[in-house]
Amino acid sequence: MTMIRIAVPILAVGAAFVLSGPAFGQHVTRAKATILSCADGSAVGTLLLVERPSSEDVKVVDTFLTARGLTPGQHAVHIHEVGSCTPCSAAGSHLDLGPFAHNTPVTDNHPYHSGDLVNITIGPRGNGVLITTTNRIALSPDSPDRPAARGLSIFDANGASVIIHAMPDEYCPDPTDVNCAGGGRVACGVIQPEN
């Protein structure tokens, strides 16, 4: 049985869990992306994002990503600042909402960009699954009555994309090391709202 056949039920169960959790009913927003190879445009995987409030009334986003046809090992996964993948460099830099709720950080604060996620591990057959949660982004519009939640939405005027990189993110703070954040881009998907 391939990893993808296993991953589909895992993602379905994960999404059902998220949608039926105790916080459901207050607010849930979903988004998805079809991830395509930067080399030839073939389908590489899918991303599902599900926003929900936490028990502390802070927005969290559950991330479900499946990938196939990639080199075995770890690969960096980041949300990038522009909703474009043609070419993959059009996705811009890592999404970093910065200290003033915009995409112009005062300094390069890798690995603490808003869009920095954990690595995906690709198995020997080229398949992998990443399930993680982040509170660095939001899918719903900003909340004017909640200052701590302002500026977190990835759906600004130019949208956002997900990038899978060639190498793992080493979470290093040195912006001059081009490979510390995963090196080249191997796959990209434009993130689209679902509701």
N, C-alpha and C. Protein backbone atom coordinates (compact mmCIF):
# COMPACT_ATOMS: atom_id res chain seq x y z
N MET A 1 0.85 -1.18 0.00
CA MET A 1 0.00 0.00 0.00
C MET A 1 0.89 1.24 0.00
N THR A 2 0.60 2.16 -0.87
CA THR A 2 1.45 3.35 -0.97
C THR A 2 1.13 4.36 0.13
N MET A 3 2.06 5.26 0.33
CA MET A 3 1.90 6.29 1.36
C MET A 3 0.68 7.16 1.07
N ILE A 4 0.40 7.45 -0.20
CA ILE A 4 -0.74 8.29 -0.55
C ILE A 4 -2.04 7.59 -0.17
N ARG A 5 -2.15 6.28 -0.40
CA ARG A 5 -3.36 5.55 -0.02
C ARG A 5 -3.56 5.59 1.48
N ILE A 6 -2.48 5.59 2.23
CA ILE A 6 -2.57 5.70 3.67
C ILE A 6 -2.88 7.14 4.06
N ALA A 7 -2.29 8.10 3.36
CA ALA A 7 -2.42 9.50 3.72
C ALA A 7 -3.84 10.02 3.56
N VAL A 8 -4.57 9.58 2.54
CA VAL A 8 -5.92 10.09 2.30
C VAL A 8 -6.82 9.82 3.50
N PRO A 9 -6.87 8.56 4.03
CA PRO A 9 -7.70 8.36 5.23
C PRO A 9 -7.21 9.16 6.43
N ILE A 10 -5.89 9.31 6.58
CA ILE A 10 -5.35 10.09 7.69
C ILE A 10 -5.82 11.53 7.59
N LEU A 11 -5.74 12.11 6.40
CA LEU A 11 -6.19 13.48 6.21
C LEU A 11 -7.69 13.62 6.46
N ALA A 12 -8.46 12.64 6.00
CA ALA A 12 -9.91 12.69 6.20
C ALA A 12 -10.26 12.63 7.68
N VAL A 13 -9.60 11.75 8.41
CA VAL A 13 -9.84 11.63 9.85
C VAL A 13 -9.40 12.91 10.55
N GLY A 14 -8.22 13.44 10.16
CA GLY A 14 -7.73 14.68 10.76
C GLY A 14 -8.67 15.84 10.53
N ALA A 15 -9.15 15.98 9.31
CA ALA A 15 -10.08 17.07 8.99
C ALA A 15 -11.39 16.89 9.75
N ALA A 16 -11.88 15.66 9.84
CA ALA A 16 -13.12 15.40 10.59
C ALA A 16 -12.94 15.76 12.06
N PHE A 17 -11.78 15.42 12.61
CA PHE A 17 -11.49 15.75 14.00
C PHE A 17 -11.50 17.26 14.20
N VAL A 18 -10.84 17.97 13.31
CA VAL A 18 -10.77 19.43 13.42
C VAL A 18 -12.16 20.03 13.33
N LEU A 19 -12.96 19.56 12.38
CA LEU A 19 -14.28 20.14 12.15
C LEU A 19 -15.29 19.76 13.22
N SER A 20 -15.03 18.71 14.00
CA SER A 20 -15.98 18.29 15.02
C SER A 20 -15.49 18.60 16.42
N GLY A 21 -14.36 19.28 16.54
CA GLY A 21 -13.78 19.58 17.84
C GLY A 21 -14.67 20.51 18.65
N PRO A 22 -14.34 20.73 19.93
CA PRO A 22 -15.19 21.53 20.80
C PRO A 22 -15.32 22.98 20.38
N ALA A 23 -14.34 23.48 19.65
CA ALA A 23 -14.41 24.88 19.23
C ALA A 23 -15.26 25.08 17.98
N PHE A 24 -15.62 23.99 17.30
CA PHE A 24 -16.40 24.11 16.07
C PHE A 24 -17.77 24.70 16.38
N GLY A 25 -18.25 25.50 15.49
CA GLY A 25 -19.52 26.15 15.69
C GLY A 25 -19.31 27.66 15.88
N GLN A 26 -18.14 28.01 16.45
CA GLN A 26 -17.82 29.42 16.58
C GLN A 26 -17.35 29.96 15.24
N HIS A 27 -16.36 29.27 14.64
CA HIS A 27 -15.80 29.77 13.39
C HIS A 27 -14.79 28.78 12.84
N VAL A 28 -14.95 28.38 11.61
CA VAL A 28 -13.94 27.56 10.93
C VAL A 28 -13.82 28.07 9.50
N THR A 29 -12.62 28.23 9.05
CA THR A 29 -12.36 28.66 7.68
C THR A 29 -11.41 27.66 7.06
N ARG A 30 -11.60 27.39 5.77
CA ARG A 30 -10.77 26.41 5.08
C ARG A 30 -10.15 27.01 3.83
N ALA A 31 -8.98 26.47 3.47
CA ALA A 31 -8.32 26.86 2.23
C ALA A 31 -7.56 25.65 1.73
N LYS A 32 -7.27 25.62 0.44
CA LYS A 32 -6.50 24.50 -0.10
C LYS A 32 -5.64 24.95 -1.27
N ALA A 33 -4.69 24.09 -1.60
CA ALA A 33 -3.82 24.35 -2.74
C ALA A 33 -3.49 23.02 -3.40
N THR A 34 -3.44 23.04 -4.72
CA THR A 34 -2.89 21.92 -5.48
C THR A 34 -1.43 22.26 -5.72
N ILE A 35 -0.54 21.38 -5.29
CA ILE A 35 0.90 21.65 -5.36
C ILE A 35 1.47 21.02 -6.62
N LEU A 36 2.15 21.84 -7.43
CA LEU A 36 2.68 21.41 -8.72
C LEU A 36 4.21 21.49 -8.73
N SER A 37 4.82 20.61 -9.50
CA SER A 37 6.27 20.60 -9.64
C SER A 37 6.75 21.88 -10.29
N CYS A 38 7.83 22.45 -9.76
CA CYS A 38 8.44 23.64 -10.37
C CYS A 38 9.16 23.27 -11.66
N ALA A 39 9.52 21.99 -11.82
CA ALA A 39 10.26 21.55 -13.01
C ALA A 39 9.36 21.32 -14.21
N ASP A 40 8.25 20.61 -14.01
CA ASP A 40 7.43 20.24 -15.18
C ASP A 40 5.94 20.50 -15.01
N GLY A 41 5.50 21.05 -13.87
CA GLY A 41 4.09 21.37 -13.68
C GLY A 41 3.20 20.20 -13.32
N SER A 42 3.79 19.02 -13.12
CA SER A 42 2.98 17.85 -12.75
C SER A 42 2.50 17.98 -11.31
N ALA A 43 1.39 17.31 -11.01
CA ALA A 43 0.84 17.35 -9.65
C ALA A 43 1.77 16.63 -8.68
N VAL A 44 2.08 17.30 -7.59
CA VAL A 44 2.98 16.77 -6.58
C VAL A 44 2.23 16.48 -5.28
N GLY A 45 1.18 17.23 -4.99
CA GLY A 45 0.46 17.00 -3.74
C GLY A 45 -0.64 18.01 -3.52
N THR A 46 -1.15 18.01 -2.29
CA THR A 46 -2.23 18.92 -1.91
C THR A 46 -1.97 19.47 -0.51
N LEU A 47 -2.51 20.63 -0.28
CA LEU A 47 -2.45 21.27 1.04
C LEU A 47 -3.87 21.62 1.44
N LEU A 48 -4.24 21.28 2.67
CA LEU A 48 -5.52 21.69 3.24
C LEU A 48 -5.20 22.46 4.51
N LEU A 49 -5.76 23.67 4.64
CA LEU A 49 -5.62 24.48 5.83
C LEU A 49 -6.99 24.66 6.45
N VAL A 50 -7.09 24.46 7.76
CA VAL A 50 -8.36 24.63 8.47
C VAL A 50 -8.11 25.52 9.68
N GLU A 51 -8.72 26.70 9.66
CA GLU A 51 -8.60 27.62 10.80
C GLU A 51 -9.70 27.36 11.79
N ARG A 52 -9.34 27.42 13.07
CA ARG A 52 -10.32 27.26 14.14
C ARG A 52 -9.84 28.05 15.35
N PRO A 53 -10.76 28.47 16.22
CA PRO A 53 -10.32 29.12 17.44
C PRO A 53 -9.82 28.08 18.43
N SER A 54 -8.84 28.42 19.22
CA SER A 54 -8.36 27.51 20.25
C SER A 54 -9.16 27.73 21.53
N SER A 55 -8.87 26.92 22.53
CA SER A 55 -9.56 27.09 23.82
C SER A 55 -9.22 28.43 24.46
N GLU A 56 -8.13 29.08 24.00
CA GLU A 56 -7.74 30.39 24.51
C GLU A 56 -8.23 31.51 23.61
N ASP A 57 -9.12 31.18 22.67
CA ASP A 57 -9.71 32.15 21.75
C ASP A 57 -8.67 32.81 20.85
N VAL A 58 -7.64 32.06 20.49
CA VAL A 58 -6.63 32.50 19.53
C VAL A 58 -6.82 31.64 18.28
N LYS A 59 -6.73 32.25 17.11
CA LYS A 59 -6.88 31.48 15.88
C LYS A 59 -5.69 30.54 15.70
N VAL A 60 -5.99 29.28 15.37
CA VAL A 60 -4.94 28.34 15.00
C VAL A 60 -5.31 27.75 13.65
N VAL A 61 -4.31 27.34 12.89
CA VAL A 61 -4.54 26.77 11.57
C VAL A 61 -3.92 25.38 11.54
N ASP A 62 -4.77 24.37 11.35
CA ASP A 62 -4.31 23.00 11.18
C ASP A 62 -3.92 22.81 9.73
N THR A 63 -2.76 22.20 9.52
CA THR A 63 -2.16 22.05 8.20
C THR A 63 -2.04 20.58 7.86
N PHE A 64 -2.61 20.17 6.72
CA PHE A 64 -2.55 18.80 6.24
C PHE A 64 -1.95 18.83 4.84
N LEU A 65 -0.78 18.27 4.67
CA LEU A 65 -0.10 18.31 3.37
C LEU A 65 0.30 16.90 2.96
N THR A 66 -0.01 16.52 1.73
CA THR A 66 0.47 15.25 1.17
C THR A 66 1.34 15.58 -0.03
N ALA A 67 2.38 14.78 -0.22
CA ALA A 67 3.27 14.99 -1.36
C ALA A 67 3.71 13.65 -1.91
N ARG A 68 4.01 13.63 -3.22
CA ARG A 68 4.47 12.41 -3.87
C ARG A 68 5.48 12.78 -4.96
N GLY A 69 6.30 11.81 -5.32
CA GLY A 69 7.24 12.02 -6.41
C GLY A 69 8.42 12.91 -6.05
N LEU A 70 8.71 13.05 -4.75
CA LEU A 70 9.83 13.89 -4.32
C LEU A 70 11.01 13.03 -3.88
N THR A 71 12.17 13.64 -3.79
CA THR A 71 13.37 12.95 -3.34
C THR A 71 13.21 12.56 -1.87
N PRO A 72 13.51 11.31 -1.50
CA PRO A 72 13.41 10.91 -0.09
C PRO A 72 14.26 11.80 0.81
N GLY A 73 13.78 12.00 2.03
CA GLY A 73 14.45 12.83 3.01
C GLY A 73 13.55 13.96 3.45
N GLN A 74 14.10 14.91 4.16
CA GLN A 74 13.33 16.03 4.66
C GLN A 74 13.36 17.20 3.67
N HIS A 75 12.23 17.89 3.59
CA HIS A 75 12.09 19.06 2.72
C HIS A 75 11.42 20.18 3.50
N ALA A 76 11.94 21.39 3.37
CA ALA A 76 11.33 22.56 4.01
C ALA A 76 9.97 22.85 3.36
N VAL A 77 9.04 23.31 4.19
CA VAL A 77 7.71 23.72 3.72
C VAL A 77 7.44 25.11 4.29
N HIS A 78 7.14 26.06 3.40
CA HIS A 78 6.89 27.43 3.83
C HIS A 78 5.69 28.01 3.07
N ILE A 79 4.98 28.89 3.74
CA ILE A 79 3.99 29.70 3.06
C ILE A 79 4.72 30.96 2.59
N HIS A 80 4.57 31.26 1.29
CA HIS A 80 5.25 32.41 0.70
C HIS A 80 4.28 33.55 0.48
N GLU A 81 4.80 34.75 0.30
CA GLU A 81 4.04 35.99 0.39
C GLU A 81 3.16 36.35 -0.80
N VAL A 82 3.28 35.65 -1.93
CA VAL A 82 2.50 35.99 -3.13
C VAL A 82 1.78 34.75 -3.64
N GLY A 83 0.53 34.91 -4.03
CA GLY A 83 -0.26 33.81 -4.56
C GLY A 83 -0.01 33.60 -6.04
N SER A 84 1.20 33.20 -6.39
CA SER A 84 1.56 32.94 -7.78
C SER A 84 2.67 31.91 -7.82
N CYS A 85 2.59 30.99 -8.80
CA CYS A 85 3.60 29.94 -8.94
C CYS A 85 4.16 29.86 -10.35
N THR A 86 3.91 30.85 -11.17
CA THR A 86 4.35 30.81 -12.55
C THR A 86 5.30 31.95 -12.85
N PRO A 87 6.61 31.71 -12.77
CA PRO A 87 7.30 30.51 -12.30
C PRO A 87 7.28 30.45 -10.77
N CYS A 88 7.89 29.41 -10.20
CA CYS A 88 7.85 29.24 -8.75
C CYS A 88 8.47 30.42 -8.01
N SER A 89 9.39 31.12 -8.62
CA SER A 89 10.00 32.29 -7.98
C SER A 89 9.00 33.42 -7.80
N ALA A 90 7.88 33.39 -8.53
CA ALA A 90 6.86 34.44 -8.42
C ALA A 90 6.17 34.42 -7.06
N ALA A 91 6.34 33.35 -6.29
CA ALA A 91 5.73 33.25 -4.96
C ALA A 91 6.39 34.20 -3.97
N GLY A 92 7.51 34.81 -4.35
CA GLY A 92 8.17 35.75 -3.47
C GLY A 92 8.88 35.07 -2.32
N SER A 93 9.12 35.83 -1.26
CA SER A 93 9.84 35.34 -0.08
C SER A 93 8.89 34.66 0.89
N HIS A 94 9.47 34.11 1.96
CA HIS A 94 8.64 33.54 3.03
C HIS A 94 7.68 34.61 3.53
N LEU A 95 6.44 34.22 3.76
CA LEU A 95 5.47 35.14 4.33
C LEU A 95 5.99 35.58 5.70
N ASP A 96 6.13 36.87 5.88
CA ASP A 96 6.55 37.41 7.17
C ASP A 96 5.77 38.67 7.42
N LEU A 97 4.78 38.56 8.28
CA LEU A 97 3.88 39.67 8.51
C LEU A 97 4.52 40.78 9.32
N GLY A 98 5.66 40.51 9.91
CA GLY A 98 6.44 41.54 10.57
C GLY A 98 5.82 42.06 11.85
N PRO A 99 6.55 42.88 12.56
CA PRO A 99 6.05 43.37 13.85
C PRO A 99 4.93 44.40 13.72
N PHE A 100 4.71 44.93 12.53
CA PHE A 100 3.68 45.95 12.35
C PHE A 100 2.57 45.47 11.42
N ALA A 101 2.37 44.14 11.37
CA ALA A 101 1.27 43.53 10.62
C ALA A 101 1.32 43.83 9.13
N HIS A 102 2.49 43.73 8.54
CA HIS A 102 2.61 43.82 7.10
C HIS A 102 3.80 42.97 6.67
N ASN A 103 4.01 42.84 5.41
CA ASN A 103 5.00 41.91 4.90
C ASN A 103 6.38 42.55 4.75
N THR A 104 6.70 43.51 5.60
CA THR A 104 8.01 44.13 5.56
C THR A 104 8.63 44.03 6.95
N PRO A 105 9.26 42.91 7.25
CA PRO A 105 9.85 42.76 8.58
C PRO A 105 11.01 43.74 8.77
N VAL A 106 11.24 44.12 10.01
CA VAL A 106 12.35 45.02 10.32
C VAL A 106 13.68 44.32 10.04
N THR A 107 13.77 43.05 10.40
CA THR A 107 14.97 42.27 10.12
C THR A 107 14.54 40.92 9.58
N ASP A 108 15.49 40.20 9.01
CA ASP A 108 15.19 38.84 8.57
C ASP A 108 15.15 37.97 9.82
N ASN A 109 13.96 37.51 10.17
CA ASN A 109 13.84 36.77 11.42
C ASN A 109 13.59 35.27 11.22
N HIS A 110 14.18 34.71 10.18
CA HIS A 110 14.11 33.26 10.02
C HIS A 110 14.78 32.63 11.23
N PRO A 111 14.23 31.61 11.85
CA PRO A 111 13.11 30.79 11.42
C PRO A 111 11.76 31.18 12.03
N TYR A 112 11.56 32.46 12.27
CA TYR A 112 10.33 32.89 12.91
C TYR A 112 9.40 33.65 11.98
N HIS A 113 9.54 33.45 10.67
CA HIS A 113 8.59 34.04 9.74
C HIS A 113 7.20 33.48 10.00
N SER A 114 6.19 34.26 9.69
CA SER A 114 4.81 33.79 9.84
C SER A 114 4.57 32.51 9.05
N GLY A 115 5.18 32.41 7.88
CA GLY A 115 4.94 31.27 6.99
C GLY A 115 5.86 30.08 7.19
N ASP A 116 6.77 30.14 8.15
CA ASP A 116 7.69 29.01 8.38
C ASP A 116 6.96 27.86 9.05
N LEU A 117 6.93 26.71 8.38
CA LEU A 117 6.35 25.49 8.94
C LEU A 117 7.48 24.50 9.20
N VAL A 118 7.14 23.34 9.74
CA VAL A 118 8.15 22.31 9.96
C VAL A 118 8.39 21.53 8.68
N ASN A 119 9.48 20.76 8.64
CA ASN A 119 9.83 19.97 7.46
C ASN A 119 8.86 18.82 7.24
N ILE A 120 8.70 18.43 5.99
CA ILE A 120 7.99 17.21 5.64
C ILE A 120 9.03 16.13 5.38
N THR A 121 8.77 14.92 5.86
CA THR A 121 9.67 13.79 5.61
C THR A 121 9.10 12.95 4.48
N ILE A 122 9.89 12.79 3.44
CA ILE A 122 9.50 12.00 2.27
C ILE A 122 10.15 10.62 2.40
N GLY A 123 9.34 9.59 2.29
CA GLY A 123 9.82 8.22 2.44
C GLY A 123 10.56 7.71 1.21
N PRO A 124 11.04 6.47 1.28
CA PRO A 124 11.85 5.90 0.21
C PRO A 124 11.13 5.79 -1.14
N ARG A 125 9.81 5.77 -1.13
CA ARG A 125 9.05 5.70 -2.39
C ARG A 125 8.67 7.09 -2.92
N GLY A 126 9.13 8.14 -2.25
CA GLY A 126 8.88 9.49 -2.72
C GLY A 126 7.63 10.15 -2.20
N ASN A 127 6.97 9.54 -1.20
CA ASN A 127 5.71 10.06 -0.68
C ASN A 127 5.88 10.54 0.76
N GLY A 128 5.06 11.50 1.17
CA GLY A 128 5.10 11.98 2.54
C GLY A 128 3.84 12.70 2.95
N VAL A 129 3.67 12.83 4.26
CA VAL A 129 2.52 13.51 4.85
C VAL A 129 3.03 14.44 5.94
N LEU A 130 2.49 15.65 5.98
CA LEU A 130 2.81 16.60 7.04
C LEU A 130 1.50 17.04 7.67
N ILE A 131 1.37 16.83 8.97
CA ILE A 131 0.22 17.31 9.73
C ILE A 131 0.77 18.13 10.89
N THR A 132 0.45 19.40 10.92
CA THR A 132 0.97 20.29 11.96
C THR A 132 -0.04 21.41 12.20
N THR A 133 0.20 22.19 13.24
CA THR A 133 -0.67 23.32 13.59
C THR A 133 0.19 24.55 13.81
N THR A 134 -0.31 25.70 13.35
CA THR A 134 0.41 26.96 13.55
C THR A 134 -0.55 28.04 14.03
N ASN A 135 -0.05 28.97 14.83
CA ASN A 135 -0.85 30.14 15.19
C ASN A 135 -0.19 31.42 14.67
N ARG A 136 0.72 31.25 13.70
CA ARG A 136 1.42 32.40 13.11
C ARG A 136 0.66 33.04 11.96
N ILE A 137 -0.37 32.36 11.45
CA ILE A 137 -1.17 32.86 10.34
C ILE A 137 -2.65 32.70 10.66
N ALA A 138 -3.49 33.31 9.83
CA ALA A 138 -4.93 33.12 9.91
C ALA A 138 -5.46 33.09 8.48
N LEU A 139 -6.64 32.52 8.32
CA LEU A 139 -7.30 32.50 7.01
C LEU A 139 -8.41 33.53 6.95
N SER A 140 -9.04 33.79 8.07
CA SER A 140 -10.14 34.74 8.12
C SER A 140 -9.61 36.17 8.16
N PRO A 141 -10.48 37.13 7.88
CA PRO A 141 -10.05 38.53 7.91
C PRO A 141 -9.53 38.93 9.28
N ASP A 142 -8.76 39.98 9.28
CA ASP A 142 -8.21 40.49 10.53
C ASP A 142 -9.33 40.93 11.47
N SER A 143 -9.03 40.92 12.77
CA SER A 143 -10.02 41.28 13.79
C SER A 143 -9.72 42.66 14.35
N PRO A 144 -10.48 43.68 13.98
CA PRO A 144 -10.19 45.03 14.48
C PRO A 144 -10.37 45.15 15.99
N ASP A 145 -11.22 44.31 16.58
CA ASP A 145 -11.45 44.39 18.02
C ASP A 145 -10.46 43.56 18.83
N ARG A 146 -9.57 42.82 18.15
CA ARG A 146 -8.57 41.99 18.84
C ARG A 146 -7.19 42.35 18.30
N PRO A 147 -6.49 43.31 18.90
CA PRO A 147 -5.19 43.76 18.38
C PRO A 147 -4.19 42.63 18.17
N ALA A 148 -4.20 41.61 19.02
CA ALA A 148 -3.23 40.52 18.89
C ALA A 148 -3.48 39.68 17.64
N ALA A 149 -4.68 39.76 17.08
CA ALA A 149 -5.02 38.95 15.91
C ALA A 149 -4.91 39.73 14.61
N ARG A 150 -4.54 40.99 14.68
CA ARG A 150 -4.46 41.82 13.47
C ARG A 150 -3.29 41.40 12.59
N GLY A 151 -3.49 41.51 11.30
CA GLY A 151 -2.40 41.30 10.35
C GLY A 151 -1.98 39.88 10.12
N LEU A 152 -2.77 38.90 10.55
CA LEU A 152 -2.36 37.50 10.41
C LEU A 152 -2.94 36.82 9.17
N SER A 153 -3.93 37.41 8.52
CA SER A 153 -4.56 36.74 7.39
C SER A 153 -3.61 36.64 6.19
N ILE A 154 -3.56 35.45 5.60
CA ILE A 154 -2.72 35.24 4.41
C ILE A 154 -3.43 35.75 3.15
N PHE A 155 -4.71 36.06 3.26
CA PHE A 155 -5.47 36.49 2.10
C PHE A 155 -5.52 38.01 2.00
N ASP A 156 -4.34 38.59 1.75
CA ASP A 156 -4.25 40.02 1.50
C ASP A 156 -4.41 40.24 -0.01
N ALA A 157 -4.05 41.40 -0.50
CA ALA A 157 -4.26 41.74 -1.91
C ALA A 157 -3.54 40.82 -2.88
N ASN A 158 -2.39 40.27 -2.50
CA ASN A 158 -1.66 39.41 -3.44
C ASN A 158 -1.65 37.94 -3.04
N GLY A 159 -2.43 37.55 -2.04
CA GLY A 159 -2.58 36.14 -1.68
C GLY A 159 -1.34 35.51 -1.09
N ALA A 160 -1.25 34.18 -1.20
CA ALA A 160 -0.12 33.44 -0.66
C ALA A 160 -0.01 32.10 -1.37
N SER A 161 1.18 31.51 -1.31
CA SER A 161 1.44 30.19 -1.90
C SER A 161 2.15 29.32 -0.90
N VAL A 162 2.12 28.01 -1.14
CA VAL A 162 2.92 27.08 -0.34
C VAL A 162 4.06 26.58 -1.23
N ILE A 163 5.26 26.52 -0.67
CA ILE A 163 6.44 26.05 -1.39
C ILE A 163 7.03 24.86 -0.65
N ILE A 164 7.38 23.82 -1.41
CA ILE A 164 8.19 22.72 -0.89
C ILE A 164 9.59 22.92 -1.47
N HIS A 165 10.58 22.92 -0.60
CA HIS A 165 11.96 23.16 -1.01
C HIS A 165 12.72 21.85 -1.22
N ALA A 166 13.89 21.96 -1.84
CA ALA A 166 14.71 20.79 -2.19
C ALA A 166 15.36 20.13 -0.98
N MET A 167 15.63 20.92 0.05
CA MET A 167 16.35 20.43 1.22
C MET A 167 15.57 20.76 2.49
N PRO A 168 16.02 20.26 3.64
CA PRO A 168 15.33 20.60 4.88
C PRO A 168 15.62 22.03 5.34
N ASP A 169 14.71 22.57 6.11
CA ASP A 169 14.95 23.83 6.80
C ASP A 169 15.78 23.49 8.03
N GLU A 170 16.92 24.14 8.16
CA GLU A 170 17.79 23.90 9.32
C GLU A 170 17.48 24.87 10.44
N TYR A 171 16.48 25.74 10.26
CA TYR A 171 16.02 26.69 11.26
C TYR A 171 17.16 27.59 11.76
N CYS A 172 18.08 27.89 10.88
CA CYS A 172 19.22 28.72 11.27
C CYS A 172 18.88 30.19 11.07
N PRO A 173 19.46 31.06 11.89
CA PRO A 173 19.13 32.49 11.81
C PRO A 173 19.97 33.28 10.82
N ASP A 174 20.88 32.63 10.08
CA ASP A 174 21.81 33.36 9.22
C ASP A 174 21.19 33.59 7.84
N PRO A 175 20.73 34.82 7.53
CA PRO A 175 20.08 35.07 6.24
C PRO A 175 21.03 35.00 5.05
N THR A 176 22.35 34.96 5.31
CA THR A 176 23.30 34.88 4.20
C THR A 176 23.51 33.45 3.73
N ASP A 177 23.07 32.46 4.52
CA ASP A 177 23.20 31.05 4.15
C ASP A 177 21.97 30.66 3.33
N VAL A 178 22.10 30.63 2.00
CA VAL A 178 20.94 30.42 1.13
C VAL A 178 20.33 29.04 1.28
N ASN A 179 21.07 28.08 1.81
CA ASN A 179 20.52 26.73 1.96
C ASN A 179 19.95 26.45 3.34
N CYS A 180 20.12 27.36 4.30
CA CYS A 180 19.66 27.06 5.65
C CYS A 180 18.14 26.95 5.73
N ALA A 181 17.41 27.56 4.80
CA ALA A 181 15.96 27.52 4.81
C ALA A 181 15.39 26.55 3.77
N GLY A 182 16.22 25.65 3.26
CA GLY A 182 15.71 24.63 2.36
C GLY A 182 16.19 24.71 0.93
N GLY A 183 16.95 25.72 0.59
CA GLY A 183 17.50 25.80 -0.76
C GLY A 183 16.44 26.04 -1.82
N GLY A 184 16.66 25.46 -3.01
CA GLY A 184 15.79 25.69 -4.16
C GLY A 184 14.36 25.23 -3.97
N ARG A 185 13.49 25.71 -4.84
CA ARG A 185 12.07 25.38 -4.79
C ARG A 185 11.78 24.22 -5.74
N VAL A 186 11.12 23.18 -5.22
CA VAL A 186 10.79 22.04 -6.08
C VAL A 186 9.31 21.95 -6.42
N ALA A 187 8.45 22.58 -5.59
CA ALA A 187 7.01 22.51 -5.85
C ALA A 187 6.33 23.73 -5.26
N CYS A 188 5.20 24.10 -5.87
CA CYS A 188 4.49 25.32 -5.45
C CYS A 188 2.99 25.13 -5.68
N GLY A 189 2.20 25.70 -4.77
CA GLY A 189 0.74 25.69 -4.92
C GLY A 189 0.16 26.99 -4.44
N VAL A 190 -0.74 27.58 -5.21
CA VAL A 190 -1.42 28.82 -4.82
C VAL A 190 -2.53 28.46 -3.84
N ILE A 191 -2.56 29.12 -2.70
CA ILE A 191 -3.54 28.83 -1.66
C ILE A 191 -4.82 29.59 -1.97
N GLN A 192 -5.94 28.85 -2.05
CA GLN A 192 -7.24 29.42 -2.39
C GLN A 192 -8.23 29.21 -1.25
N PRO A 193 -9.01 30.23 -0.89
CA PRO A 193 -10.02 30.03 0.15
C PRO A 193 -11.11 29.08 -0.35
N GLU A 194 -11.66 28.28 0.58
CA GLU A 194 -12.73 27.35 0.22
C GLU A 194 -14.09 27.81 0.67
N ASN A 195 -14.15 28.71 1.64
CA ASN A 195 -15.47 29.17 2.12
C ASN A 195 -15.43 30.64 2.45
